[in-house]
């Protein structure tokens, strides 16, 4: 684990934390049982094979 060599100021720490954003997953339309469903891209093959219920 990385350990800082010196103390960061409070403003630097808060600025770094404030700019981080999680991005929502890209949703892809998939047809299941004749109706379109939006599914994350990494689960498309699992939905086609029936491993995951949308």
C-alpha atoms as a PDB file:
ATOM      1  CA  UNK A   1       0.000   0.000   0.000  1.00  0.00           C
ATOM      2  CA  UNK A   2       1.283   3.457  -0.871  1.00  0.00           C
ATOM      3  CA  UNK A   3       2.269   5.638   2.059  1.00  0.00           C
ATOM      4  CA  UNK A   4       2.650   9.419   1.631  1.00  0.00           C
ATOM      5  CA  UNK A   5       6.076  10.843   2.432  1.00  0.00           C
ATOM      6  CA  UNK A   6       4.630  14.077   3.762  1.00  0.00           C
ATOM      7  CA  UNK A   7       1.353  15.516   4.986  1.00  0.00           C
ATOM      8  CA  UNK A   8      -1.109  16.829   2.424  1.00  0.00           C
ATOM      9  CA  UNK A   9      -2.890  20.068   3.148  1.00  0.00           C
ATOM     10  CA  UNK A  10      -6.603  19.907   3.886  1.00  0.00           C
ATOM     11  CA  UNK A  11      -7.476  21.873   0.748  1.00  0.00           C
ATOM     12  CA  UNK A  12      -5.494  19.481  -1.470  1.00  0.00           C
ATOM     13  CA  UNK A  13      -7.163  16.471   0.075  1.00  0.00           C
ATOM     14  CA  UNK A  14     -10.660  17.900  -0.272  1.00  0.00           C
ATOM     15  CA  UNK A  15      -9.995  19.079  -3.827  1.00  0.00           C
ATOM     16  CA  UNK A  16      -8.854  15.601  -4.833  1.00  0.00           C
ATOM     17  CA  UNK A  17     -11.881  13.954  -3.231  1.00  0.00           C
ATOM     18  CA  UNK A  18     -14.329  16.458  -4.703  1.00  0.00           C
ATOM     19  CA  UNK A  19     -13.247  15.891  -8.319  1.00  0.00           C
ATOM     20  CA  UNK A  20     -13.561  12.090  -8.246  1.00  0.00           C
ATOM     21  CA  UNK A  21     -16.793  10.838  -9.778  1.00  0.00           C
ATOM     22  CA  UNK A  22     -18.033   7.339 -10.423  1.00  0.00           C
ATOM     23  CA  UNK A  23     -19.411   6.911 -13.926  1.00  0.00           C
ATOM     24  CA  UNK A  24     -22.651   4.977 -14.420  1.00  0.00           C
ATOM     25  CA  UNK A  25     -22.371   1.805 -16.540  1.00  0.00           C
ATOM     26  CA  UNK A  26     -23.192   1.995 -20.239  1.00  0.00           C
ATOM     27  CA  UNK A  27     -26.589   0.379 -20.811  1.00  0.00           C
ATOM     28  CA  UNK A  28     -27.189  -1.621 -23.978  1.00  0.00           C
ATOM     29  CA  UNK A  29     -30.657  -2.544 -25.269  1.00  0.00           C
ATOM     30  CA  UNK A  30     -31.204  -6.316 -25.381  1.00  0.00           C
ATOM     31  CA  UNK A  31     -34.379  -8.114 -26.482  1.00  0.00           C
ATOM     32  CA  UNK A  32     -35.528 -10.665 -23.877  1.00  0.00           C
ATOM     33  CA  UNK A  33     -38.816 -12.515 -24.341  1.00  0.00           C
ATOM     34  CA  UNK A  34     -39.842 -10.083 -27.078  1.00  0.00           C
ATOM     35  CA  UNK A  35     -39.343  -6.905 -25.029  1.00  0.00           C
ATOM     36  CA  UNK A  36     -36.325  -4.585 -25.018  1.00  0.00           C
ATOM     37  CA  UNK A  37     -34.371  -4.369 -21.748  1.00  0.00           C
ATOM     38  CA  UNK A  38     -31.430  -2.102 -20.878  1.00  0.00           C
ATOM     39  CA  UNK A  39     -28.518  -4.135 -19.508  1.00  0.00           C
ATOM     40  CA  UNK A  40     -24.914  -3.179 -18.627  1.00  0.00           C
ATOM     41  CA  UNK A  41     -22.549  -4.070 -21.470  1.00  0.00           C
ATOM     42  CA  UNK A  42     -20.569  -6.613 -19.450  1.00  0.00           C
ATOM     43  CA  UNK A  43     -23.747  -8.623 -18.709  1.00  0.00           C
ATOM     44  CA  UNK A  44     -25.076  -8.872 -22.287  1.00  0.00           C
ATOM     45  CA  UNK A  45     -23.700 -12.356 -22.959  1.00  0.00           C
ATOM     46  CA  UNK A  46     -24.852 -13.616 -19.552  1.00  0.00           C
ATOM     47  CA  UNK A  47     -28.407 -12.399 -20.286  1.00  0.00           C
ATOM     48  CA  UNK A  48     -28.367 -14.036 -23.735  1.00  0.00           C
ATOM     49  CA  UNK A  49     -27.263 -17.346 -22.215  1.00  0.00           C
ATOM     50  CA  UNK A  50     -29.834 -17.132 -19.425  1.00  0.00           C
ATOM     51  CA  UNK A  51     -27.392 -16.925 -16.507  1.00  0.00           C
ATOM     52  CA  UNK A  52     -28.734 -13.543 -15.337  1.00  0.00           C
ATOM     53  CA  UNK A  53     -32.331 -12.343 -15.165  1.00  0.00           C
ATOM     54  CA  UNK A  54     -32.699  -8.735 -16.425  1.00  0.00           C
END
